[in-house]
Amino acid sequence: MPSVLRLTQSRCKYYGLFKNDQIVAFSFKISLIARLNPNYNAAMETLLDDVTVELIRDYVPRNATLHTLSEFFSACGDATRTKIICALSISEMCVGDLARVLGLNQTTCSHQLRLLRAADIVRQRREGKIIFYSLKNRQIEDVLFAGVKFLNL
């Protein structure tokens, strides 16, 4: 047995993949191609069929969408901001009321509200000298409920 195949088989065994002949044949094919063509990049090969690869390429969001989605989850990824979102899902409030009800420092509350506004989760409404905050879109509640359900809380 060639040393390249032995090395591939041991890697497959190590990762628990050496279970059927298809994987062995695939690994052997990569090994042979790599030996015949020094410029071959084995990392470009995949165990997936072409249909699955195309589905993944079609349905995984593009970078701009992924970036926006990451920013959204990052904004919700802080316990204080999540607490504020939960409170605003019940009622529109000013910073002072939010801080008092949630037991937060008013400066901290204002800072977190600014981040939530930047993430387009919260909107503000001015009434004289007082600014009231509310959720910009009620669908954020569905996201929170989905998280609670997912975590079995």
Protein backbone atom coordinates (compact mmCIF):
# COMPACT_ATOMS: atom_id res chain seq x y z
CA MET A 1 0.00 0.00 0.00
CA PRO A 2 1.49 3.42 -0.95
CA SER A 3 2.54 5.62 1.96
CA VAL A 4 0.21 8.43 0.78
CA LEU A 5 -2.81 6.13 1.09
CA ARG A 6 -1.68 4.92 4.51
CA LEU A 7 -1.38 8.53 5.68
CA THR A 8 -4.83 9.37 4.31
CA GLN A 9 -6.36 6.29 5.92
CA SER A 10 -4.82 7.12 9.28
CA ARG A 11 -6.20 10.67 9.07
CA CYS A 12 -9.63 9.29 8.21
CA LYS A 13 -9.44 6.87 11.12
CA TYR A 14 -8.37 9.70 13.41
CA TYR A 15 -11.39 11.78 12.43
CA GLY A 16 -13.71 8.78 12.54
CA LEU A 17 -14.32 8.94 8.79
CA PHE A 18 -12.83 5.64 7.72
CA LYS A 19 -16.16 3.86 7.66
CA ASN A 20 -17.02 3.20 4.05
CA ASP A 21 -15.23 2.62 0.80
CA GLN A 22 -16.55 5.83 -0.75
CA ILE A 23 -14.51 8.01 1.62
CA VAL A 24 -11.44 5.85 1.16
CA ALA A 25 -11.79 6.06 -2.62
CA PHE A 26 -12.26 9.82 -2.39
CA SER A 27 -9.18 10.20 -0.17
CA PHE A 28 -7.14 7.96 -2.46
CA LYS A 29 -8.26 10.01 -5.48
CA ILE A 30 -7.12 13.23 -3.80
CA SER A 31 -3.82 11.62 -2.84
CA LEU A 32 -3.15 10.45 -6.40
CA ILE A 33 -4.07 13.81 -7.91
CA ALA A 34 -1.84 15.58 -5.39
CA ARG A 35 1.08 13.30 -6.23
CA LEU A 36 0.63 13.80 -9.99
CA ASN A 37 0.07 17.57 -9.86
CA PRO A 38 2.12 19.50 -7.27
CA ASN A 39 -0.05 22.62 -7.80
CA TYR A 40 -3.24 20.73 -6.80
CA ASN A 41 -5.01 22.15 -3.76
CA ALA A 42 -6.71 19.32 -1.87
CA ALA A 43 -8.57 21.84 0.26
CA MET A 44 -10.70 22.65 -2.78
CA GLU A 45 -12.17 19.12 -2.84
CA THR A 46 -15.35 18.34 -0.92
CA LEU A 47 -17.25 15.26 0.17
CA LEU A 48 -20.52 16.95 -0.78
CA ASP A 49 -22.40 16.28 -3.99
CA ASP A 50 -22.75 19.10 -6.53
CA VAL A 51 -26.44 19.75 -5.74
CA THR A 52 -25.67 20.31 -2.04
CA VAL A 53 -22.74 22.57 -2.86
CA GLU A 54 -24.96 24.69 -5.13
CA LEU A 55 -27.72 24.87 -2.49
CA ILE A 56 -25.22 26.11 0.06
CA ARG A 57 -23.81 28.68 -2.36
CA ASP A 58 -27.33 29.87 -3.25
CA TYR A 59 -28.78 30.07 0.26
CA VAL A 60 -25.92 31.21 2.50
CA PRO A 61 -26.32 35.00 2.64
CA ARG A 62 -23.79 37.28 1.01
CA ASN A 63 -21.23 39.21 3.06
CA ALA A 64 -23.25 42.44 3.37
CA THR A 65 -26.25 40.53 4.71
CA LEU A 66 -24.07 38.47 7.06
CA HIS A 67 -22.45 41.64 8.38
CA THR A 68 -25.83 43.28 9.06
CA LEU A 69 -27.14 40.12 10.70
CA SER A 70 -24.03 39.87 12.88
CA GLU A 71 -24.46 43.48 13.98
CA PHE A 72 -28.08 42.78 14.90
CA PHE A 73 -27.20 39.74 17.02
CA SER A 74 -24.28 41.61 18.53
CA ALA A 75 -26.64 44.40 19.60
CA CYS A 76 -28.90 41.80 21.23
CA GLY A 77 -25.90 39.95 22.68
CA ASP A 78 -25.59 42.06 25.81
CA ALA A 79 -27.69 41.26 28.90
CA THR A 80 -28.39 44.93 29.64
CA ARG A 81 -29.55 45.61 26.09
CA THR A 82 -31.71 42.49 26.13
CA LYS A 83 -33.25 43.66 29.40
CA ILE A 84 -34.01 47.05 27.82
CA ILE A 85 -35.55 45.38 24.75
CA CYS A 86 -37.78 43.25 27.00
CA ALA A 87 -38.92 46.30 28.96
CA LEU A 88 -39.62 48.27 25.78
CA SER A 89 -41.67 45.37 24.44
CA ILE A 90 -44.10 46.10 27.28
CA SER A 91 -44.21 49.88 27.15
CA GLU A 92 -42.63 52.97 25.63
CA MET A 93 -40.42 54.67 28.24
CA CYS A 94 -38.04 57.53 28.84
CA VAL A 95 -34.46 56.93 29.99
CA GLY A 96 -35.21 57.86 33.59
CA ASP A 97 -38.09 55.41 33.87
CA LEU A 98 -36.13 52.64 32.15
CA ALA A 99 -33.17 53.16 34.47
CA ARG A 100 -35.36 53.16 37.61
CA VAL A 101 -37.49 50.15 36.63
CA LEU A 102 -34.53 48.04 35.52
CA GLY A 103 -32.18 49.13 38.30
CA LEU A 104 -29.63 50.64 35.93
CA ASN A 105 -27.49 53.74 36.08
CA GLN A 106 -29.08 56.39 33.85
CA THR A 107 -25.80 56.94 31.95
CA THR A 108 -25.50 53.20 31.28
CA CYS A 109 -29.10 53.07 30.11
CA SER A 110 -28.58 56.04 27.75
CA HIS A 111 -25.44 54.44 26.32
CA GLN A 112 -27.18 51.12 25.70
CA LEU A 113 -30.15 52.88 24.10
CA ARG A 114 -27.77 54.69 21.77
CA LEU A 115 -26.32 51.34 20.67
CA LEU A 116 -29.81 49.90 20.17
CA ARG A 117 -30.78 52.94 18.08
CA ALA A 118 -27.63 52.54 15.98
CA ALA A 119 -28.63 48.89 15.39
CA ASP A 120 -32.08 50.08 14.26
CA ILE A 121 -33.84 48.17 17.03
CA VAL A 122 -35.11 51.13 19.04
CA ARG A 123 -36.61 54.46 17.96
CA GLN A 124 -37.08 57.67 19.88
CA ARG A 125 -39.86 60.21 20.09
CA ARG A 126 -39.47 63.63 21.64
CA GLU A 127 -42.22 65.18 23.72
CA GLY A 128 -40.99 68.56 24.95
CA LYS A 129 -37.78 67.93 26.89
CA ILE A 130 -38.44 64.21 27.36
CA ILE A 131 -37.38 61.56 24.86
CA PHE A 132 -39.41 58.36 24.81
CA TYR A 133 -37.98 55.10 23.48
CA SER A 134 -39.86 52.20 21.92
CA LEU A 135 -39.14 49.18 19.76
CA LYS A 136 -38.85 50.10 16.11
CA ASN A 137 -40.25 46.77 14.96
CA ARG A 138 -42.33 44.40 17.08
CA GLN A 139 -40.74 41.39 15.32
CA ILE A 140 -37.84 41.69 17.75
CA GLU A 141 -40.18 40.10 20.30
CA ASP A 142 -40.47 37.03 18.04
CA VAL A 143 -36.68 36.80 17.92
CA LEU A 144 -36.48 36.89 21.72
CA PHE A 145 -39.28 34.30 22.07
CA ALA A 146 -37.49 32.06 19.55
CA GLY A 147 -34.32 32.32 21.66
CA VAL A 148 -36.20 31.43 24.84
CA LYS A 149 -37.86 28.48 23.11
CA PHE A 150 -34.57 27.31 21.59
CA LEU A 151 -32.85 27.40 24.99
CA ASN A 152 -35.82 25.78 26.77
CA LEU A 153 -35.98 28.63 29.29
